[in-house]
Amino acid sequence: MTKADLIEEVSGALKTTTKESAVIVQSILGSMVKALGTGEKIEIRGFGNFQSEGDSVGSDKIVEFGMRSGLDTSRFRVVRR
C-alpha cells in the first residue's frame, strides 16, 4: 500500500476530497516521522511499534516510509515483539 492508496482510503471513508485527505494522511505520517526523529517511541496497537534505530532492541525490520519529508528515515525501524 502506498501513501496515495492511504489517501484514497481516507477520502472514501470520510467522504472528503483527495486534497483534504492528503492533508490528513501527511499530517499523521509527518507527526510519526517527527516523533521518531526526536527519539520518541510509537505504539499503534494491532499494527506495530516504531522507534529510532539508536535504541537497543531485539530483532527489527527497517521501515521505509517513502515520504518526501527530507528526513533520513533509513535510521527508523519497526519493532516486533
PDB file of N, CA and C in Angstrom:
ATOM      1  N   MET A   1       0.846  -1.173   0.000  1.00  0.00           N
ATOM      2  CA  MET A   1       0.000   0.000   0.000  1.00  0.00           C
ATOM      3  C   MET A   1       0.890   1.235   0.000  1.00  0.00           C
ATOM      4  N   THR A   2       0.528   2.180  -0.809  1.00  0.00           N
ATOM      5  CA  THR A   2       1.296   3.418  -0.906  1.00  0.00           C
ATOM      6  C   THR A   2       0.573   4.549  -0.170  1.00  0.00           C
ATOM      7  N   LYS A   3       1.262   5.681  -0.064  1.00  0.00           N
ATOM      8  CA  LYS A   3       0.642   6.841   0.562  1.00  0.00           C
ATOM      9  C   LYS A   3      -0.594   7.268  -0.239  1.00  0.00           C
ATOM     10  N   ALA A   4      -0.515   7.165  -1.560  1.00  0.00           N
ATOM     11  CA  ALA A   4      -1.665   7.505  -2.413  1.00  0.00           C
ATOM     12  C   ALA A   4      -2.849   6.581  -2.122  1.00  0.00           C
ATOM     13  N   ASP A   5      -2.565   5.307  -1.886  1.00  0.00           N
ATOM     14  CA  ASP A   5      -3.629   4.359  -1.525  1.00  0.00           C
ATOM     15  C   ASP A   5      -4.275   4.751  -0.194  1.00  0.00           C
ATOM     16  N   LEU A   6      -3.453   5.143   0.766  1.00  0.00           N
ATOM     17  CA  LEU A   6      -3.982   5.582   2.059  1.00  0.00           C
ATOM     18  C   LEU A   6      -4.875   6.805   1.895  1.00  0.00           C
ATOM     19  N   ILE A   7      -4.453   7.730   1.061  1.00  0.00           N
ATOM     20  CA  ILE A   7      -5.228   8.947   0.813  1.00  0.00           C
ATOM     21  C   ILE A   7      -6.585   8.590   0.220  1.00  0.00           C
ATOM     22  N   GLU A   8      -6.599   7.671  -0.738  1.00  0.00           N
ATOM     23  CA  GLU A   8      -7.860   7.244  -1.346  1.00  0.00           C
ATOM     24  C   GLU A   8      -8.773   6.565  -0.321  1.00  0.00           C
ATOM     25  N   GLU A   9      -8.196   5.732   0.543  1.00  0.00           N
ATOM     26  CA  GLU A   9      -8.986   5.069   1.594  1.00  0.00           C
ATOM     27  C   GLU A   9      -9.602   6.091   2.545  1.00  0.00           C
ATOM     28  N   VAL A  10      -8.820   7.062   2.972  1.00  0.00           N
ATOM     29  CA  VAL A  10      -9.318   8.103   3.881  1.00  0.00           C
ATOM     30  C   VAL A  10     -10.404   8.920   3.181  1.00  0.00           C
ATOM     31  N   SER A  11     -10.171   9.244   1.933  1.00  0.00           N
ATOM     32  CA  SER A  11     -11.130  10.025   1.161  1.00  0.00           C
ATOM     33  C   SER A  11     -12.476   9.313   1.070  1.00  0.00           C
ATOM     34  N   GLY A  12     -12.435   8.010   0.806  1.00  0.00           N
ATOM     35  CA  GLY A  12     -13.676   7.242   0.715  1.00  0.00           C
ATOM     36  C   GLY A  12     -14.370   7.085   2.053  1.00  0.00           C
ATOM     37  N   ALA A  13     -13.591   6.837   3.099  1.00  0.00           N
ATOM     38  CA  ALA A  13     -14.167   6.614   4.428  1.00  0.00           C
ATOM     39  C   ALA A  13     -14.782   7.879   5.014  1.00  0.00           C
ATOM     40  N   LEU A  14     -14.127   9.010   4.783  1.00  0.00           N
ATOM     41  CA  LEU A  14     -14.598  10.262   5.380  1.00  0.00           C
ATOM     42  C   LEU A  14     -15.418  11.118   4.429  1.00  0.00           C
ATOM     43  N   LYS A  15     -15.545  10.659   3.186  1.00  0.00           N
ATOM     44  CA  LYS A  15     -16.277  11.419   2.155  1.00  0.00           C
ATOM     45  C   LYS A  15     -15.699  12.828   1.998  1.00  0.00           C
ATOM     46  N   THR A  16     -14.366  12.887   1.909  1.00  0.00           N
ATOM     47  CA  THR A  16     -13.674  14.154   1.720  1.00  0.00           C
ATOM     48  C   THR A  16     -13.003  14.153   0.356  1.00  0.00           C
ATOM     49  N   THR A  17     -12.514  15.313  -0.051  1.00  0.00           N
ATOM     50  CA  THR A  17     -11.783  15.388  -1.315  1.00  0.00           C
ATOM     51  C   THR A  17     -10.412  14.738  -1.142  1.00  0.00           C
ATOM     52  N   THR A  18      -9.812  14.403  -2.264  1.00  0.00           N
ATOM     53  CA  THR A  18      -8.476  13.823  -2.227  1.00  0.00           C
ATOM     54  C   THR A  18      -7.494  14.803  -1.600  1.00  0.00           C
ATOM     55  N   LYS A  19      -7.656  16.079  -1.887  1.00  0.00           N
ATOM     56  CA  LYS A  19      -6.757  17.101  -1.341  1.00  0.00           C
ATOM     57  C   LYS A  19      -6.873  17.178   0.186  1.00  0.00           C
ATOM     58  N   GLU A  20      -8.100  17.135   0.689  1.00  0.00           N
ATOM     59  CA  GLU A  20      -8.307  17.173   2.142  1.00  0.00           C
ATOM     60  C   GLU A  20      -7.753  15.913   2.798  1.00  0.00           C
ATOM     61  N   SER A  21      -7.968  14.787   2.158  1.00  0.00           N
ATOM     62  CA  SER A  21      -7.462  13.522   2.697  1.00  0.00           C
ATOM     63  C   SER A  21      -5.940  13.486   2.683  1.00  0.00           C
ATOM     64  N   ALA A  22      -5.331  14.076   1.677  1.00  0.00           N
ATOM     65  CA  ALA A  22      -3.870  14.129   1.602  1.00  0.00           C
ATOM     66  C   ALA A  22      -3.306  14.905   2.785  1.00  0.00           C
ATOM     67  N   VAL A  23      -3.984  15.972   3.181  1.00  0.00           N
ATOM     68  CA  VAL A  23      -3.548  16.758   4.337  1.00  0.00           C
ATOM     69  C   VAL A  23      -3.623  15.909   5.607  1.00  0.00           C
ATOM     70  N   ILE A  24      -4.687  15.136   5.743  1.00  0.00           N
ATOM     71  CA  ILE A  24      -4.857  14.280   6.921  1.00  0.00           C
ATOM     72  C   ILE A  24      -3.753  13.229   6.984  1.00  0.00           C
ATOM     73  N   VAL A  25      -3.549  12.514   5.888  1.00  0.00           N
ATOM     74  CA  VAL A  25      -2.540  11.446   5.849  1.00  0.00           C
ATOM     75  C   VAL A  25      -1.146  12.024   6.063  1.00  0.00           C
ATOM     76  N   GLN A  26      -0.817  13.123   5.393  1.00  0.00           N
ATOM     77  CA  GLN A  26       0.503  13.727   5.549  1.00  0.00           C
ATOM     78  C   GLN A  26       0.721  14.206   6.972  1.00  0.00           C
ATOM     79  N   SER A  27      -0.331  14.713   7.601  1.00  0.00           N
ATOM     80  CA  SER A  27      -0.227  15.169   8.982  1.00  0.00           C
ATOM     81  C   SER A  27       0.093  14.009   9.922  1.00  0.00           C
ATOM     82  N   ILE A  28      -0.588  12.888   9.730  1.00  0.00           N
ATOM     83  CA  ILE A  28      -0.340  11.712  10.581  1.00  0.00           C
ATOM     84  C   ILE A  28       1.071  11.184  10.361  1.00  0.00           C
ATOM     85  N   LEU A  29       1.437  10.962   9.103  1.00  0.00           N
ATOM     86  CA  LEU A  29       2.775  10.424   8.814  1.00  0.00           C
ATOM     87  C   LEU A  29       3.874  11.404   9.229  1.00  0.00           C
ATOM     88  N   GLY A  30       3.634  12.693   9.011  1.00  0.00           N
ATOM     89  CA  GLY A  30       4.612  13.702   9.415  1.00  0.00           C
ATOM     90  C   GLY A  30       4.810  13.724  10.919  1.00  0.00           C
ATOM     91  N   SER A  31       3.717  13.563  11.659  1.00  0.00           N
ATOM     92  CA  SER A  31       3.818  13.517  13.117  1.00  0.00           C
ATOM     93  C   SER A  31       4.618  12.311  13.574  1.00  0.00           C
ATOM     94  N   MET A  32       4.415  11.178  12.890  1.00  0.00           N
ATOM     95  CA  MET A  32       5.169   9.972  13.238  1.00  0.00           C
ATOM     96  C   MET A  32       6.658  10.158  12.973  1.00  0.00           C
ATOM     97  N   VAL A  33       6.991  10.702  11.816  1.00  0.00           N
ATOM     98  CA  VAL A  33       8.402  10.921  11.475  1.00  0.00           C
ATOM     99  C   VAL A  33       9.038  11.903  12.448  1.00  0.00           C
ATOM    100  N   LYS A  34       8.311  12.963  12.800  1.00  0.00           N
ATOM    101  CA  LYS A  34       8.836  13.956  13.745  1.00  0.00           C
ATOM    102  C   LYS A  34       9.090  13.315  15.108  1.00  0.00           C
ATOM    103  N   ALA A  35       8.138  12.497  15.572  1.00  0.00           N
ATOM    104  CA  ALA A  35       8.295  11.833  16.873  1.00  0.00           C
ATOM    105  C   ALA A  35       9.501  10.901  16.859  1.00  0.00           C
ATOM    106  N   LEU A  36       9.643  10.130  15.794  1.00  0.00           N
ATOM    107  CA  LEU A  36      10.789   9.229  15.688  1.00  0.00           C
ATOM    108  C   LEU A  36      12.100  10.013  15.623  1.00  0.00           C
ATOM    109  N   GLY A  37      12.055  11.148  14.961  1.00  0.00           N
ATOM    110  CA  GLY A  37      13.247  11.983  14.850  1.00  0.00           C
ATOM    111  C   GLY A  37      13.718  12.544  16.175  1.00  0.00           C
ATOM    112  N   THR A  38      12.797  12.689  17.127  1.00  0.00           N
ATOM    113  CA  THR A  38      13.164  13.203  18.447  1.00  0.00           C
ATOM    114  C   THR A  38      13.396  12.074  19.446  1.00  0.00           C
ATOM    115  N   GLY A  39      13.370  10.819  18.959  1.00  0.00           N
ATOM    116  CA  GLY A  39      13.670   9.687  19.819  1.00  0.00           C
ATOM    117  C   GLY A  39      12.470   9.085  20.527  1.00  0.00           C
ATOM    118  N   GLU A  40      11.271   9.581  20.226  1.00  0.00           N
ATOM    119  CA  GLU A  40      10.074   9.022  20.853  1.00  0.00           C
ATOM    120  C   GLU A  40       9.766   7.650  20.268  1.00  0.00           C
ATOM    121  N   LYS A  41       9.070   6.846  21.025  1.00  0.00           N
ATOM    122  CA  LYS A  41       8.598   5.550  20.554  1.00  0.00           C
ATOM    123  C   LYS A  41       7.132   5.702  20.164  1.00  0.00           C
ATOM    124  N   ILE A  42       6.720   4.954  19.160  1.00  0.00           N
ATOM    125  CA  ILE A  42       5.332   4.981  18.703  1.00  0.00           C
ATOM    126  C   ILE A  42       4.770   3.571  18.820  1.00  0.00           C
ATOM    127  N   GLU A  43       3.598   3.459  19.422  1.00  0.00           N
ATOM    128  CA  GLU A  43       2.919   2.165  19.515  1.00  0.00           C
ATOM    129  C   GLU A  43       1.523   2.318  18.942  1.00  0.00           C
ATOM    130  N   ILE A  44       1.250   1.578  17.875  1.00  0.00           N
ATOM    131  CA  ILE A  44      -0.078   1.550  17.287  1.00  0.00           C
ATOM    132  C   ILE A  44      -0.573   0.125  17.429  1.00  0.00           C
ATOM    133  N   ARG A  45      -1.437  -0.097  18.397  1.00  0.00           N
ATOM    134  CA  ARG A  45      -1.896  -1.458  18.699  1.00  0.00           C
ATOM    135  C   ARG A  45      -2.536  -2.088  17.474  1.00  0.00           C
ATOM    136  N   GLY A  46      -2.176  -3.325  17.232  1.00  0.00           N
ATOM    137  CA  GLY A  46      -2.697  -4.056  16.090  1.00  0.00           C
ATOM    138  C   GLY A  46      -1.957  -3.775  14.807  1.00  0.00           C
ATOM    139  N   PHE A  47      -0.976  -2.864  14.847  1.00  0.00           N
ATOM    140  CA  PHE A  47      -0.213  -2.525  13.654  1.00  0.00           C
ATOM    141  C   PHE A  47       1.277  -2.702  13.862  1.00  0.00           C
ATOM    142  N   GLY A  48       1.825  -2.072  14.897  1.00  0.00           N
ATOM    143  CA  GLY A  48       3.250  -2.217  15.159  1.00  0.00           C
ATOM    144  C   GLY A  48       3.789  -1.159  16.095  1.00  0.00           C
ATOM    145  N   ASN A  49       5.026  -1.366  16.507  1.00  0.00           N
ATOM    146  CA  ASN A  49       5.745  -0.422  17.351  1.00  0.00           C
ATOM    147  C   ASN A  49       6.918   0.119  16.547  1.00  0.00           C
ATOM    148  N   PHE A  50       7.167   1.415  16.676  1.00  0.00           N
ATOM    149  CA  PHE A  50       8.243   2.060  15.942  1.00  0.00           C
ATOM    150  C   PHE A  50       9.135   2.791  16.917  1.00  0.00           C
ATOM    151  N   GLN A  51      10.433   2.770  16.638  1.00  0.00           N
ATOM    152  CA  GLN A  51      11.358   3.567  17.435  1.00  0.00           C
ATOM    153  C   GLN A  51      12.612   3.827  16.619  1.00  0.00           C
ATOM    154  N   SER A  52      13.368   4.806  17.067  1.00  0.00           N
ATOM    155  CA  SER A  52      14.611   5.156  16.392  1.00  0.00           C
ATOM    156  C   SER A  52      15.583   3.998  16.494  1.00  0.00           C
ATOM    157  N   GLU A  53      16.382   3.789  15.462  1.00  0.00           N
ATOM    158  CA  GLU A  53      17.338   2.686  15.434  1.00  0.00           C
ATOM    159  C   GLU A  53      18.407   2.819  16.506  1.00  0.00           C
ATOM    160  N   GLY A  54      18.588   4.000  17.052  1.00  0.00           N
ATOM    161  CA  GLY A  54      19.599   4.208  18.069  1.00  0.00           C
ATOM    162  C   GLY A  54      19.325   3.478  19.369  1.00  0.00           C
ATOM    163  N   ASP A  55      18.074   3.104  19.619  1.00  0.00           N
ATOM    164  CA  ASP A  55      17.736   2.369  20.831  1.00  0.00           C
ATOM    165  C   ASP A  55      18.097   0.905  20.659  1.00  0.00           C
ATOM    166  N   SER A  56      18.543   0.265  21.739  1.00  0.00           N
ATOM    167  CA  SER A  56      18.904  -1.144  21.628  1.00  0.00           C
ATOM    168  C   SER A  56      17.654  -2.001  21.801  1.00  0.00           C
ATOM    169  N   VAL A  57      17.377  -2.812  20.789  1.00  0.00           N
ATOM    170  CA  VAL A  57      16.215  -3.697  20.795  1.00  0.00           C
ATOM    171  C   VAL A  57      16.598  -5.017  20.163  1.00  0.00           C
ATOM    172  N   GLY A  58      15.684  -5.986  20.204  1.00  0.00           N
ATOM    173  CA  GLY A  58      15.920  -7.293  19.612  1.00  0.00           C
ATOM    174  C   GLY A  58      15.862  -7.240  18.096  1.00  0.00           C
ATOM    175  N   SER A  59      15.342  -8.295  17.477  1.00  0.00           N
ATOM    176  CA  SER A  59      15.303  -8.335  16.021  1.00  0.00           C
ATOM    177  C   SER A  59      14.300  -7.327  15.495  1.00  0.00           C
ATOM    178  N   ASP A  60      14.703  -6.576  14.500  1.00  0.00           N
ATOM    179  CA  ASP A  60      13.886  -5.486  13.960  1.00  0.00           C
ATOM    180  C   ASP A  60      13.847  -5.549  12.442  1.00  0.00           C
ATOM    181  N   LYS A  61      12.921  -4.846  11.906  1.00  0.00           N
ATOM    182  CA  LYS A  61      12.788  -4.740  10.465  1.00  0.00           C
ATOM    183  C   LYS A  61      12.812  -3.259  10.108  1.00  0.00           C
ATOM    184  N   ILE A  62      13.607  -2.895   9.138  1.00  0.00           N
ATOM    185  CA  ILE A  62      13.709  -1.488   8.743  1.00  0.00           C
ATOM    186  C   ILE A  62      12.416  -1.045   8.073  1.00  0.00           C
ATOM    187  N   VAL A  63      11.941   0.137   8.457  1.00  0.00           N
ATOM    188  CA  VAL A  63      10.728   0.705   7.876  1.00  0.00           C
ATOM    189  C   VAL A  63      11.119   1.753   6.857  1.00  0.00           C
ATOM    190  N   GLU A  64      10.561   1.641   5.679  1.00  0.00           N
ATOM    191  CA  GLU A  64      10.788   2.661   4.668  1.00  0.00           C
ATOM    192  C   GLU A  64       9.492   3.438   4.496  1.00  0.00           C
ATOM    193  N   PHE A  65       9.481   4.665   4.910  1.00  0.00           N
ATOM    194  CA  PHE A  65       8.273   5.457   4.849  1.00  0.00           C
ATOM    195  C   PHE A  65       7.978   5.937   3.435  1.00  0.00           C
ATOM    196  N   GLY A  66       9.017   6.137   2.625  1.00  0.00           N
ATOM    197  CA  GLY A  66       8.797   6.607   1.270  1.00  0.00           C
ATOM    198  C   GLY A  66       8.242   8.016   1.219  1.00  0.00           C
ATOM    199  N   MET A  67       8.499   8.779   2.256  1.00  0.00           N
ATOM    200  CA  MET A  67       7.978  10.147   2.302  1.00  0.00           C
ATOM    201  C   MET A  67       8.995  11.116   1.722  1.00  0.00           C
ATOM    202  N   ARG A  68       8.496  12.171   1.188  1.00  0.00           N
ATOM    203  CA  ARG A  68       9.385  13.212   0.650  1.00  0.00           C
ATOM    204  C   ARG A  68       9.573  14.305   1.691  1.00  0.00           C
ATOM    205  N   SER A  69       9.837  13.879   2.919  1.00  0.00           N
ATOM    206  CA  SER A  69       9.943  14.831   4.023  1.00  0.00           C
ATOM    207  C   SER A  69      11.327  15.449   4.136  1.00  0.00           C
ATOM    208  N   GLY A  70      12.301  14.849   3.448  1.00  0.00           N
ATOM    209  CA  GLY A  70      13.656  15.347   3.567  1.00  0.00           C
ATOM    210  C   GLY A  70      14.378  14.772   4.772  1.00  0.00           C
ATOM    211  N   LEU A  71      13.667  14.079   5.643  1.00  0.00           N
ATOM    212  CA  LEU A  71      14.266  13.466   6.823  1.00  0.00           C
ATOM    213  C   LEU A  71      14.804  12.097   6.455  1.00  0.00           C
ATOM    214  N   ASP A  72      15.973  11.764   6.911  1.00  0.00           N
ATOM    215  CA  ASP A  72      16.574  10.457   6.634  1.00  0.00           C
ATOM    216  C   ASP A  72      15.852   9.404   7.445  1.00  0.00           C
ATOM    217  N   THR A  73      14.894   8.711   6.813  1.00  0.00           N
ATOM    218  CA  THR A  73      14.100   7.709   7.518  1.00  0.00           C
ATOM    219  C   THR A  73      14.788   6.354   7.549  1.00  0.00           C
ATOM    220  N   SER A  74      15.975   6.234   6.974  1.00  0.00           N
ATOM    221  CA  SER A  74      16.661   4.942   6.948  1.00  0.00           C
ATOM    222  C   SER A  74      17.087   4.504   8.348  1.00  0.00           C
ATOM    223  N   ARG A  75      17.082   5.413   9.305  1.00  0.00           N
ATOM    224  CA  ARG A  75      17.500   5.047  10.652  1.00  0.00           C
ATOM    225  C   ARG A  75      16.324   4.632  11.533  1.00  0.00           C
ATOM    226  N   PHE A  76      15.129   4.525  10.950  1.00  0.00           N
ATOM    227  CA  PHE A  76      13.959   4.106  11.689  1.00  0.00           C
ATOM    228  C   PHE A  76      13.646   2.658  11.365  1.00  0.00           C
ATOM    229  N   ARG A  77      13.051   1.967  12.319  1.00  0.00           N
ATOM    230  CA  ARG A  77      12.671   0.579  12.085  1.00  0.00           C
ATOM    231  C   ARG A  77      11.452   0.217  12.923  1.00  0.00           C
ATOM    232  N   VAL A  78      10.766  -0.821  12.497  1.00  0.00           N
ATOM    233  CA  VAL A  78       9.621  -1.311  13.251  1.00  0.00           C
ATOM    234  C   VAL A  78      10.098  -2.405  14.175  1.00  0.00           C
ATOM    235  N   VAL A  79       9.554  -2.427  15.365  1.00  0.00           N
ATOM    236  CA  VAL A  79       9.955  -3.411  16.367  1.00  0.00           C
ATOM    237  C   VAL A  79       8.808  -4.383  16.567  1.00  0.00           C
ATOM    238  N   ARG A  80       9.040  -5.643  16.321  1.00  0.00           N
ATOM    239  CA  ARG A  80       8.012  -6.672  16.530  1.00  0.00           C
ATOM    240  C   ARG A  80       8.438  -7.499  17.729  1.00  0.00           C
ATOM    241  N   ARG A  81       7.562  -7.615  18.703  1.00  0.00           N
ATOM    242  CA  ARG A  81       7.883  -8.371  19.916  1.00  0.00           C
ATOM    243  C   ARG A  81       6.900  -9.470  20.116  1.00  0.00           C
TER     244      ARG A  81
END
